[in-house]
ModelCIF file with pLDDT and N, C-alpha, C, O atoms, coordinates in Angstrom:
data_MODEL
#
_entry.id   MODEL 
#
_entity.id                         1 
_entity.type                       polymer 
_entity.pdbx_number_of_molecules   1 
#
_entity_poly.entity_id                      1 
_entity_poly.type                           'polypeptide(L)' 
_entity_poly.nstd_linkage                   no 
_entity_poly.nstd_monomer                   no 
_entity_poly.pdbx_seq_one_letter_code       GRQAAEKSFNLGREYDTSRANFSSAIRATERTTPSGPAYAVANATG 
_entity_poly.pdbx_seq_one_letter_code_can   GRQAAEKSFNLGREYDTSRANFSSAIRATERTTPSGPAYAVANATG 
_entity_poly.pdbx_strand_id                 A 
#
loop_
_entity_poly_seq.entity_id 
_entity_poly_seq.num 
_entity_poly_seq.mon_id 
_entity_poly_seq.hetero 
1 1  GLY n 
1 2  ARG n 
1 3  GLN n 
1 4  ALA n 
1 5  ALA n 
1 6  GLU n 
1 7  LYS n 
1 8  SER n 
1 9  PHE n 
1 10 ASN n 
1 11 LEU n 
1 12 GLY n 
1 13 ARG n 
1 14 GLU n 
1 15 TYR n 
1 16 ASP n 
1 17 THR n 
1 18 SER n 
1 19 ARG n 
1 20 ALA n 
1 21 ASN n 
1 22 PHE n 
1 23 SER n 
1 24 SER n 
1 25 ALA n 
1 26 ILE n 
1 27 ARG n 
1 28 ALA n 
1 29 THR n 
1 30 GLU n 
1 31 ARG n 
1 32 THR n 
1 33 THR n 
1 34 PRO n 
1 35 SER n 
1 36 GLY n 
1 37 PRO n 
1 38 ALA n 
1 39 TYR n 
1 40 ALA n 
1 41 VAL n 
1 42 ALA n 
1 43 ASN n 
1 44 ALA n 
1 45 THR n 
1 46 GLY n 
#
_struct_asym.id          A 
_struct_asym.entity_id   1 
#
loop_
_ma_qa_metric.id 
_ma_qa_metric.mode 
_ma_qa_metric.name 
_ma_qa_metric.software_group_id 
_ma_qa_metric.type 
1 global pLDDT . pLDDT 
2 local  pLDDT . pLDDT 
#
_ma_qa_metric_global.metric_id      1 
_ma_qa_metric_global.metric_value   94.11 
_ma_qa_metric_global.model_id       1 
_ma_qa_metric_global.ordinal_id     1 
#
loop_
_ma_qa_metric_local.label_asym_id 
_ma_qa_metric_local.label_comp_id 
_ma_qa_metric_local.label_seq_id 
_ma_qa_metric_local.metric_id 
_ma_qa_metric_local.metric_value 
_ma_qa_metric_local.model_id 
_ma_qa_metric_local.ordinal_id 
A GLY 1  2 96.00 1 1  
A ARG 2  2 96.00 1 2  
A GLN 3  2 96.00 1 3  
A ALA 4  2 97.00 1 4  
A ALA 5  2 97.00 1 5  
A GLU 6  2 97.00 1 6  
A LYS 7  2 97.00 1 7  
A SER 8  2 97.00 1 8  
A PHE 9  2 98.00 1 9  
A ASN 10 2 97.00 1 10 
A LEU 11 2 96.00 1 11 
A GLY 12 2 96.00 1 12 
A ARG 13 2 96.00 1 13 
A GLU 14 2 95.00 1 14 
A TYR 15 2 92.00 1 15 
A ASP 16 2 92.00 1 16 
A THR 17 2 92.00 1 17 
A SER 18 2 93.00 1 18 
A ARG 19 2 90.00 1 19 
A ALA 20 2 89.00 1 20 
A ASN 21 2 88.00 1 21 
A PHE 22 2 88.00 1 22 
A SER 23 2 90.00 1 23 
A SER 24 2 92.00 1 24 
A ALA 25 2 94.00 1 25 
A ILE 26 2 95.00 1 26 
A ARG 27 2 95.00 1 27 
A ALA 28 2 96.00 1 28 
A THR 29 2 95.00 1 29 
A GLU 30 2 96.00 1 30 
A ARG 31 2 95.00 1 31 
A THR 32 2 96.00 1 32 
A THR 33 2 96.00 1 33 
A PRO 34 2 94.00 1 34 
A SER 35 2 96.00 1 35 
A GLY 36 2 97.00 1 36 
A PRO 37 2 98.00 1 37 
A ALA 38 2 98.00 1 38 
A TYR 39 2 97.00 1 39 
A ALA 40 2 97.00 1 40 
A VAL 41 2 97.00 1 41 
A ALA 42 2 96.00 1 42 
A ASN 43 2 95.00 1 43 
A ALA 44 2 94.00 1 44 
A THR 45 2 85.00 1 45 
A GLY 46 2 70.00 1 46 
#
loop_
_atom_site.group_PDB 
_atom_site.id 
_atom_site.type_symbol 
_atom_site.label_atom_id 
_atom_site.label_alt_id 
_atom_site.label_comp_id 
_atom_site.label_asym_id 
_atom_site.label_entity_id 
_atom_site.label_seq_id 
_atom_site.pdbx_PDB_ins_code 
_atom_site.Cartn_x 
_atom_site.Cartn_y 
_atom_site.Cartn_z 
_atom_site.occupancy 
_atom_site.B_iso_or_equiv 
_atom_site.pdbx_formal_charge 
_atom_site.auth_seq_id 
_atom_site.auth_comp_id 
_atom_site.auth_asym_id 
_atom_site.auth_atom_id 
_atom_site.pdbx_PDB_model_num 
ATOM 1   N N  . GLY A 1 1  ? 25.246 124.263 123.389 1.00 96.00 ? 1  GLY A N  1 
ATOM 2   C CA . GLY A 1 1  ? 26.715 124.704 123.728 1.00 96.00 ? 1  GLY A CA 1 
ATOM 3   C C  . GLY A 1 1  ? 27.632 123.784 123.368 1.00 96.00 ? 1  GLY A C  1 
ATOM 4   O O  . GLY A 1 1  ? 28.770 124.180 123.117 1.00 96.00 ? 1  GLY A O  1 
ATOM 5   N N  . ARG A 1 2  ? 27.295 122.298 123.266 1.00 96.00 ? 2  ARG A N  1 
ATOM 6   C CA . ARG A 1 2  ? 28.743 121.513 122.561 1.00 96.00 ? 2  ARG A CA 1 
ATOM 7   C C  . ARG A 1 2  ? 28.825 122.167 121.729 1.00 96.00 ? 2  ARG A C  1 
ATOM 8   O O  . ARG A 1 2  ? 29.647 123.080 121.815 1.00 96.00 ? 2  ARG A O  1 
ATOM 9   N N  . GLN A 1 3  ? 27.989 122.024 120.469 1.00 96.00 ? 3  GLN A N  1 
ATOM 10  C CA . GLN A 1 3  ? 28.313 121.972 119.040 1.00 96.00 ? 3  GLN A CA 1 
ATOM 11  C C  . GLN A 1 3  ? 28.808 123.452 118.971 1.00 96.00 ? 3  GLN A C  1 
ATOM 12  O O  . GLN A 1 3  ? 29.634 123.597 118.071 1.00 96.00 ? 3  GLN A O  1 
ATOM 13  N N  . ALA A 1 4  ? 28.457 124.907 119.864 1.00 97.00 ? 4  ALA A N  1 
ATOM 14  C CA . ALA A 1 4  ? 29.039 125.934 119.450 1.00 97.00 ? 4  ALA A CA 1 
ATOM 15  C C  . ALA A 1 4  ? 30.852 126.008 120.009 1.00 97.00 ? 4  ALA A C  1 
ATOM 16  O O  . ALA A 1 4  ? 31.790 126.698 119.611 1.00 97.00 ? 4  ALA A O  1 
ATOM 17  N N  . ALA A 1 5  ? 30.765 125.145 120.888 1.00 97.00 ? 5  ALA A N  1 
ATOM 18  C CA . ALA A 1 5  ? 32.218 124.833 121.638 1.00 97.00 ? 5  ALA A CA 1 
ATOM 19  C C  . ALA A 1 5  ? 33.264 124.212 120.772 1.00 97.00 ? 5  ALA A C  1 
ATOM 20  O O  . ALA A 1 5  ? 34.356 124.780 120.732 1.00 97.00 ? 5  ALA A O  1 
ATOM 21  N N  . GLU A 1 6  ? 33.022 122.751 119.832 1.00 97.00 ? 6  GLU A N  1 
ATOM 22  C CA . GLU A 1 6  ? 33.582 122.407 118.716 1.00 97.00 ? 6  GLU A CA 1 
ATOM 23  C C  . GLU A 1 6  ? 33.344 123.189 117.655 1.00 97.00 ? 6  GLU A C  1 
ATOM 24  O O  . GLU A 1 6  ? 34.481 123.337 117.207 1.00 97.00 ? 6  GLU A O  1 
ATOM 25  N N  . LYS A 1 7  ? 32.766 123.669 117.095 1.00 97.00 ? 7  LYS A N  1 
ATOM 26  C CA . LYS A 1 7  ? 32.926 124.556 115.905 1.00 97.00 ? 7  LYS A CA 1 
ATOM 27  C C  . LYS A 1 7  ? 33.752 125.425 116.201 1.00 97.00 ? 7  LYS A C  1 
ATOM 28  O O  . LYS A 1 7  ? 34.584 125.579 115.307 1.00 97.00 ? 7  LYS A O  1 
ATOM 29  N N  . SER A 1 8  ? 33.945 126.315 117.405 1.00 97.00 ? 8  SER A N  1 
ATOM 30  C CA . SER A 1 8  ? 35.561 126.938 118.100 1.00 97.00 ? 8  SER A CA 1 
ATOM 31  C C  . SER A 1 8  ? 36.225 126.417 118.004 1.00 97.00 ? 8  SER A C  1 
ATOM 32  O O  . SER A 1 8  ? 37.015 126.960 117.233 1.00 97.00 ? 8  SER A O  1 
ATOM 33  N N  . PHE A 1 9  ? 36.649 125.288 118.390 1.00 98.00 ? 9  PHE A N  1 
ATOM 34  C CA . PHE A 1 9  ? 37.750 124.300 119.119 1.00 98.00 ? 9  PHE A CA 1 
ATOM 35  C C  . PHE A 1 9  ? 38.343 124.267 118.113 1.00 98.00 ? 9  PHE A C  1 
ATOM 36  O O  . PHE A 1 9  ? 39.526 124.610 118.131 1.00 98.00 ? 9  PHE A O  1 
ATOM 37  N N  . ASN A 1 10 ? 37.332 123.568 116.105 1.00 97.00 ? 10 ASN A N  1 
ATOM 38  C CA . ASN A 1 10 ? 37.880 123.568 115.299 1.00 97.00 ? 10 ASN A CA 1 
ATOM 39  C C  . ASN A 1 10 ? 38.497 124.584 114.521 1.00 97.00 ? 10 ASN A C  1 
ATOM 40  O O  . ASN A 1 10 ? 39.501 124.325 113.858 1.00 97.00 ? 10 ASN A O  1 
ATOM 41  N N  . LEU A 1 11 ? 37.941 125.819 114.543 1.00 96.00 ? 11 LEU A N  1 
ATOM 42  C CA . LEU A 1 11 ? 38.588 127.201 114.127 1.00 96.00 ? 11 LEU A CA 1 
ATOM 43  C C  . LEU A 1 11 ? 39.796 127.618 114.406 1.00 96.00 ? 11 LEU A C  1 
ATOM 44  O O  . LEU A 1 11 ? 40.644 127.882 113.553 1.00 96.00 ? 11 LEU A O  1 
ATOM 45  N N  . GLY A 1 12 ? 39.967 127.713 115.774 1.00 96.00 ? 12 GLY A N  1 
ATOM 46  C CA . GLY A 1 12 ? 41.125 128.171 116.483 1.00 96.00 ? 12 GLY A CA 1 
ATOM 47  C C  . GLY A 1 12 ? 42.156 127.215 116.277 1.00 96.00 ? 12 GLY A C  1 
ATOM 48  O O  . GLY A 1 12 ? 43.318 127.622 116.278 1.00 96.00 ? 12 GLY A O  1 
ATOM 49  N N  . ARG A 1 13 ? 41.802 125.429 116.017 1.00 96.00 ? 13 ARG A N  1 
ATOM 50  C CA . ARG A 1 13 ? 43.010 125.073 115.784 1.00 96.00 ? 13 ARG A CA 1 
ATOM 51  C C  . ARG A 1 13 ? 43.215 124.775 114.193 1.00 96.00 ? 13 ARG A C  1 
ATOM 52  O O  . ARG A 1 13 ? 44.193 124.106 113.860 1.00 96.00 ? 13 ARG A O  1 
ATOM 53  N N  . GLU A 1 14 ? 42.644 125.081 113.571 1.00 95.00 ? 14 GLU A N  1 
ATOM 54  C CA . GLU A 1 14 ? 42.997 125.487 111.800 1.00 95.00 ? 14 GLU A CA 1 
ATOM 55  C C  . GLU A 1 14 ? 43.968 126.653 111.891 1.00 95.00 ? 14 GLU A C  1 
ATOM 56  O O  . GLU A 1 14 ? 45.167 126.581 111.624 1.00 95.00 ? 14 GLU A O  1 
ATOM 57  N N  . TYR A 1 15 ? 43.223 127.885 112.356 1.00 92.00 ? 15 TYR A N  1 
ATOM 58  C CA . TYR A 1 15 ? 43.982 129.583 112.549 1.00 92.00 ? 15 TYR A CA 1 
ATOM 59  C C  . TYR A 1 15 ? 45.836 128.952 113.172 1.00 92.00 ? 15 TYR A C  1 
ATOM 60  O O  . TYR A 1 15 ? 46.942 129.014 112.636 1.00 92.00 ? 15 TYR A O  1 
ATOM 61  N N  . ASP A 1 16 ? 45.455 128.511 114.224 1.00 92.00 ? 16 ASP A N  1 
ATOM 62  C CA . ASP A 1 16 ? 46.758 128.373 115.011 1.00 92.00 ? 16 ASP A CA 1 
ATOM 63  C C  . ASP A 1 16 ? 47.468 127.189 114.441 1.00 92.00 ? 16 ASP A C  1 
ATOM 64  O O  . ASP A 1 16 ? 48.635 127.509 114.667 1.00 92.00 ? 16 ASP A O  1 
ATOM 65  N N  . THR A 1 17 ? 47.495 126.525 114.102 1.00 92.00 ? 17 THR A N  1 
ATOM 66  C CA . THR A 1 17 ? 48.177 125.556 113.522 1.00 92.00 ? 17 THR A CA 1 
ATOM 67  C C  . THR A 1 17 ? 48.727 125.720 111.993 1.00 92.00 ? 17 THR A C  1 
ATOM 68  O O  . THR A 1 17 ? 49.522 125.026 111.358 1.00 92.00 ? 17 THR A O  1 
ATOM 69  N N  . SER A 1 18 ? 47.974 126.951 111.628 1.00 93.00 ? 18 SER A N  1 
ATOM 70  C CA . SER A 1 18 ? 48.712 127.536 110.200 1.00 93.00 ? 18 SER A CA 1 
ATOM 71  C C  . SER A 1 18 ? 49.931 127.963 110.356 1.00 93.00 ? 18 SER A C  1 
ATOM 72  O O  . SER A 1 18 ? 50.611 127.934 109.330 1.00 93.00 ? 18 SER A O  1 
ATOM 73  N N  . ARG A 1 19 ? 50.618 128.493 111.650 1.00 90.00 ? 19 ARG A N  1 
ATOM 74  C CA . ARG A 1 19 ? 51.338 128.819 112.263 1.00 90.00 ? 19 ARG A CA 1 
ATOM 75  C C  . ARG A 1 19 ? 52.537 128.518 111.850 1.00 90.00 ? 19 ARG A C  1 
ATOM 76  O O  . ARG A 1 19 ? 53.458 129.283 111.560 1.00 90.00 ? 19 ARG A O  1 
ATOM 77  N N  . ALA A 1 20 ? 52.493 127.227 111.830 1.00 89.00 ? 20 ALA A N  1 
ATOM 78  C CA . ALA A 1 20 ? 53.572 126.175 111.821 1.00 89.00 ? 20 ALA A CA 1 
ATOM 79  C C  . ALA A 1 20 ? 54.280 126.340 110.532 1.00 89.00 ? 20 ALA A C  1 
ATOM 80  O O  . ALA A 1 20 ? 55.502 126.209 110.457 1.00 89.00 ? 20 ALA A O  1 
ATOM 81  N N  . ASN A 1 21 ? 53.331 126.704 109.245 1.00 88.00 ? 21 ASN A N  1 
ATOM 82  C CA . ASN A 1 21 ? 53.569 126.327 107.821 1.00 88.00 ? 21 ASN A CA 1 
ATOM 83  C C  . ASN A 1 21 ? 54.594 127.621 107.868 1.00 88.00 ? 21 ASN A C  1 
ATOM 84  O O  . ASN A 1 21 ? 55.045 127.577 106.724 1.00 88.00 ? 21 ASN A O  1 
ATOM 85  N N  . PHE A 1 22 ? 55.101 128.515 108.378 1.00 88.00 ? 22 PHE A N  1 
ATOM 86  C CA . PHE A 1 22 ? 55.821 129.554 108.674 1.00 88.00 ? 22 PHE A CA 1 
ATOM 87  C C  . PHE A 1 22 ? 57.180 130.259 109.137 1.00 88.00 ? 22 PHE A C  1 
ATOM 88  O O  . PHE A 1 22 ? 57.865 131.187 108.708 1.00 88.00 ? 22 PHE A O  1 
ATOM 89  N N  . SER A 1 23 ? 57.252 129.197 110.435 1.00 90.00 ? 23 SER A N  1 
ATOM 90  C CA . SER A 1 23 ? 58.484 129.563 110.308 1.00 90.00 ? 23 SER A CA 1 
ATOM 91  C C  . SER A 1 23 ? 58.727 127.808 111.340 1.00 90.00 ? 23 SER A C  1 
ATOM 92  O O  . SER A 1 23 ? 57.857 127.250 112.008 1.00 90.00 ? 23 SER A O  1 
ATOM 93  N N  . SER A 1 24 ? 59.867 127.440 111.168 1.00 92.00 ? 24 SER A N  1 
ATOM 94  C CA . SER A 1 24 ? 60.511 126.578 111.423 1.00 92.00 ? 24 SER A CA 1 
ATOM 95  C C  . SER A 1 24 ? 60.676 126.436 113.211 1.00 92.00 ? 24 SER A C  1 
ATOM 96  O O  . SER A 1 24 ? 60.829 125.246 113.487 1.00 92.00 ? 24 SER A O  1 
ATOM 97  N N  . ALA A 1 25 ? 60.682 127.143 114.209 1.00 94.00 ? 25 ALA A N  1 
ATOM 98  C CA . ALA A 1 25 ? 60.892 127.806 115.394 1.00 94.00 ? 25 ALA A CA 1 
ATOM 99  C C  . ALA A 1 25 ? 59.200 127.333 115.730 1.00 94.00 ? 25 ALA A C  1 
ATOM 100 O O  . ALA A 1 25 ? 58.993 127.468 116.936 1.00 94.00 ? 25 ALA A O  1 
ATOM 101 N N  . ILE A 1 26 ? 58.056 126.861 115.039 1.00 95.00 ? 26 ILE A N  1 
ATOM 102 C CA . ILE A 1 26 ? 56.752 126.574 115.610 1.00 95.00 ? 26 ILE A CA 1 
ATOM 103 C C  . ILE A 1 26 ? 56.203 125.618 115.189 1.00 95.00 ? 26 ILE A C  1 
ATOM 104 O O  . ILE A 1 26 ? 55.780 125.499 114.039 1.00 95.00 ? 26 ILE A O  1 
ATOM 105 N N  . ARG A 1 27 ? 56.112 124.519 116.378 1.00 95.00 ? 27 ARG A N  1 
ATOM 106 C CA . ARG A 1 27 ? 55.701 123.670 115.996 1.00 95.00 ? 27 ARG A CA 1 
ATOM 107 C C  . ARG A 1 27 ? 54.355 122.732 116.687 1.00 95.00 ? 27 ARG A C  1 
ATOM 108 O O  . ARG A 1 27 ? 54.121 122.773 117.895 1.00 95.00 ? 27 ARG A O  1 
ATOM 109 N N  . ALA A 1 28 ? 53.690 122.058 115.902 1.00 96.00 ? 28 ALA A N  1 
ATOM 110 C CA . ALA A 1 28 ? 52.015 121.757 116.186 1.00 96.00 ? 28 ALA A CA 1 
ATOM 111 C C  . ALA A 1 28 ? 52.234 120.115 116.200 1.00 96.00 ? 28 ALA A C  1 
ATOM 112 O O  . ALA A 1 28 ? 52.990 119.340 115.614 1.00 96.00 ? 28 ALA A O  1 
ATOM 113 N N  . THR A 1 29 ? 51.183 119.996 117.169 1.00 95.00 ? 29 THR A N  1 
ATOM 114 C CA . THR A 1 29 ? 50.818 118.645 117.265 1.00 95.00 ? 29 THR A CA 1 
ATOM 115 C C  . THR A 1 29 ? 49.524 118.544 117.946 1.00 95.00 ? 29 THR A C  1 
ATOM 116 O O  . THR A 1 29 ? 49.141 119.361 118.784 1.00 95.00 ? 29 THR A O  1 
ATOM 117 N N  . GLU A 1 30 ? 48.749 117.340 117.495 1.00 96.00 ? 30 GLU A N  1 
ATOM 118 C CA . GLU A 1 30 ? 47.358 116.925 117.722 1.00 96.00 ? 30 GLU A CA 1 
ATOM 119 C C  . GLU A 1 30 ? 47.242 115.641 118.226 1.00 96.00 ? 30 GLU A C  1 
ATOM 120 O O  . GLU A 1 30 ? 47.520 114.636 117.572 1.00 96.00 ? 30 GLU A O  1 
ATOM 121 N N  . ARG A 1 31 ? 46.799 115.641 119.488 1.00 95.00 ? 31 ARG A N  1 
ATOM 122 C CA . ARG A 1 31 ? 46.127 114.284 120.107 1.00 95.00 ? 31 ARG A CA 1 
ATOM 123 C C  . ARG A 1 31 ? 44.944 114.177 121.091 1.00 95.00 ? 31 ARG A C  1 
ATOM 124 O O  . ARG A 1 31 ? 44.406 115.204 121.507 1.00 95.00 ? 31 ARG A O  1 
ATOM 125 N N  . THR A 1 32 ? 44.552 113.018 121.451 1.00 96.00 ? 32 THR A N  1 
ATOM 126 C CA . THR A 1 32 ? 43.473 112.654 122.037 1.00 96.00 ? 32 THR A CA 1 
ATOM 127 C C  . THR A 1 32 ? 44.298 113.022 123.625 1.00 96.00 ? 32 THR A C  1 
ATOM 128 O O  . THR A 1 32 ? 45.512 112.962 123.822 1.00 96.00 ? 32 THR A O  1 
ATOM 129 N N  . THR A 1 33 ? 43.214 113.411 124.639 1.00 96.00 ? 33 THR A N  1 
ATOM 130 C CA . THR A 1 33 ? 43.760 113.770 125.580 1.00 96.00 ? 33 THR A CA 1 
ATOM 131 C C  . THR A 1 33 ? 43.206 112.750 127.190 1.00 96.00 ? 33 THR A C  1 
ATOM 132 O O  . THR A 1 33 ? 42.437 111.796 127.070 1.00 96.00 ? 33 THR A O  1 
ATOM 133 N N  . PRO A 1 34 ? 43.643 113.095 128.270 1.00 94.00 ? 34 PRO A N  1 
ATOM 134 C CA . PRO A 1 34 ? 42.238 112.563 129.176 1.00 94.00 ? 34 PRO A CA 1 
ATOM 135 C C  . PRO A 1 34 ? 41.267 113.603 128.850 1.00 94.00 ? 34 PRO A C  1 
ATOM 136 O O  . PRO A 1 34 ? 40.185 113.419 128.293 1.00 94.00 ? 34 PRO A O  1 
ATOM 137 N N  . SER A 1 35 ? 41.677 114.535 129.185 1.00 96.00 ? 35 SER A N  1 
ATOM 138 C CA . SER A 1 35 ? 40.349 115.441 128.677 1.00 96.00 ? 35 SER A CA 1 
ATOM 139 C C  . SER A 1 35 ? 39.572 115.672 127.738 1.00 96.00 ? 35 SER A C  1 
ATOM 140 O O  . SER A 1 35 ? 38.451 116.165 127.864 1.00 96.00 ? 35 SER A O  1 
ATOM 141 N N  . GLY A 1 36 ? 40.104 115.331 126.690 1.00 97.00 ? 36 GLY A N  1 
ATOM 142 C CA . GLY A 1 36 ? 39.458 115.358 125.229 1.00 97.00 ? 36 GLY A CA 1 
ATOM 143 C C  . GLY A 1 36 ? 40.100 115.832 124.122 1.00 97.00 ? 36 GLY A C  1 
ATOM 144 O O  . GLY A 1 36 ? 41.280 116.006 124.428 1.00 97.00 ? 36 GLY A O  1 
ATOM 145 N N  . PRO A 1 37 ? 39.865 116.170 122.812 1.00 98.00 ? 37 PRO A N  1 
ATOM 146 C CA . PRO A 1 37 ? 40.519 115.897 121.904 1.00 98.00 ? 37 PRO A CA 1 
ATOM 147 C C  . PRO A 1 37 ? 41.086 117.614 122.195 1.00 98.00 ? 37 PRO A C  1 
ATOM 148 O O  . PRO A 1 37 ? 40.403 118.534 122.646 1.00 98.00 ? 37 PRO A O  1 
ATOM 149 N N  . ALA A 1 38 ? 42.823 117.666 121.688 1.00 98.00 ? 38 ALA A N  1 
ATOM 150 C CA . ALA A 1 38 ? 43.493 118.642 122.153 1.00 98.00 ? 38 ALA A CA 1 
ATOM 151 C C  . ALA A 1 38 ? 44.362 118.956 120.616 1.00 98.00 ? 38 ALA A C  1 
ATOM 152 O O  . ALA A 1 38 ? 44.361 118.086 119.745 1.00 98.00 ? 38 ALA A O  1 
ATOM 153 N N  . TYR A 1 39 ? 45.120 120.354 120.401 1.00 97.00 ? 39 TYR A N  1 
ATOM 154 C CA . TYR A 1 39 ? 46.128 120.498 119.833 1.00 97.00 ? 39 TYR A CA 1 
ATOM 155 C C  . TYR A 1 39 ? 46.679 121.353 120.650 1.00 97.00 ? 39 TYR A C  1 
ATOM 156 O O  . TYR A 1 39 ? 45.966 122.163 121.243 1.00 97.00 ? 39 TYR A O  1 
ATOM 157 N N  . ALA A 1 40 ? 48.449 121.318 120.881 1.00 97.00 ? 40 ALA A N  1 
ATOM 158 C CA . ALA A 1 40 ? 49.432 122.248 121.282 1.00 97.00 ? 40 ALA A CA 1 
ATOM 159 C C  . ALA A 1 40 ? 50.396 122.394 120.264 1.00 97.00 ? 40 ALA A C  1 
ATOM 160 O O  . ALA A 1 40 ? 50.835 121.600 119.433 1.00 97.00 ? 40 ALA A O  1 
ATOM 161 N N  . VAL A 1 41 ? 50.679 123.815 120.554 1.00 97.00 ? 41 VAL A N  1 
ATOM 162 C CA . VAL A 1 41 ? 51.566 124.329 119.274 1.00 97.00 ? 41 VAL A CA 1 
ATOM 163 C C  . VAL A 1 41 ? 52.753 125.091 120.349 1.00 97.00 ? 41 VAL A C  1 
ATOM 164 O O  . VAL A 1 41 ? 52.484 125.775 121.336 1.00 97.00 ? 41 VAL A O  1 
ATOM 165 N N  . ALA A 1 42 ? 53.799 124.824 119.951 1.00 96.00 ? 42 ALA A N  1 
ATOM 166 C CA . ALA A 1 42 ? 55.089 125.451 120.774 1.00 96.00 ? 42 ALA A CA 1 
ATOM 167 C C  . ALA A 1 42 ? 55.747 126.268 119.931 1.00 96.00 ? 42 ALA A C  1 
ATOM 168 O O  . ALA A 1 42 ? 56.028 125.900 118.791 1.00 96.00 ? 42 ALA A O  1 
ATOM 169 N N  . ASN A 1 43 ? 56.044 127.394 120.373 1.00 95.00 ? 43 ASN A N  1 
ATOM 170 C CA . ASN A 1 43 ? 56.812 128.955 119.771 1.00 95.00 ? 43 ASN A CA 1 
ATOM 171 C C  . ASN A 1 43 ? 57.852 129.060 120.399 1.00 95.00 ? 43 ASN A C  1 
ATOM 172 O O  . ASN A 1 43 ? 57.711 129.461 121.554 1.00 95.00 ? 43 ASN A O  1 
ATOM 173 N N  . ALA A 1 44 ? 59.129 128.790 119.975 1.00 94.00 ? 44 ALA A N  1 
ATOM 174 C CA . ALA A 1 44 ? 60.479 129.043 120.505 1.00 94.00 ? 44 ALA A CA 1 
ATOM 175 C C  . ALA A 1 44 ? 60.748 130.483 119.239 1.00 94.00 ? 44 ALA A C  1 
ATOM 176 O O  . ALA A 1 44 ? 61.379 130.069 118.267 1.00 94.00 ? 44 ALA A O  1 
ATOM 177 N N  . THR A 1 45 ? 60.445 131.719 119.157 1.00 85.00 ? 45 THR A N  1 
ATOM 178 C CA . THR A 1 45 ? 60.565 132.467 118.817 1.00 85.00 ? 45 THR A CA 1 
ATOM 179 C C  . THR A 1 45 ? 60.440 133.209 120.138 1.00 85.00 ? 45 THR A C  1 
ATOM 180 O O  . THR A 1 45 ? 59.310 133.665 120.316 1.00 85.00 ? 45 THR A O  1 
ATOM 181 N N  . GLY A 1 46 ? 61.282 133.437 121.073 1.00 70.00 ? 46 GLY A N  1 
ATOM 182 C CA . GLY A 1 46 ? 61.328 133.997 122.032 1.00 70.00 ? 46 GLY A CA 1 
ATOM 183 C C  . GLY A 1 46 ? 62.191 135.610 121.716 1.00 70.00 ? 46 GLY A C  1 
ATOM 184 O O  . GLY A 1 46 ? 62.363 136.409 122.637 1.00 70.00 ? 46 GLY A O  1 
#
């Protein structure tokens, strides 16, 4: 289960963060949080 979750997390991160390459209104960041490794994407193309 842990390996499957890690693989899904990494694939999702690669896909989601790539959106920041196509719009200045989309920004992304990556960090370690108290709960675990995380990535965040802000989308201001409302």
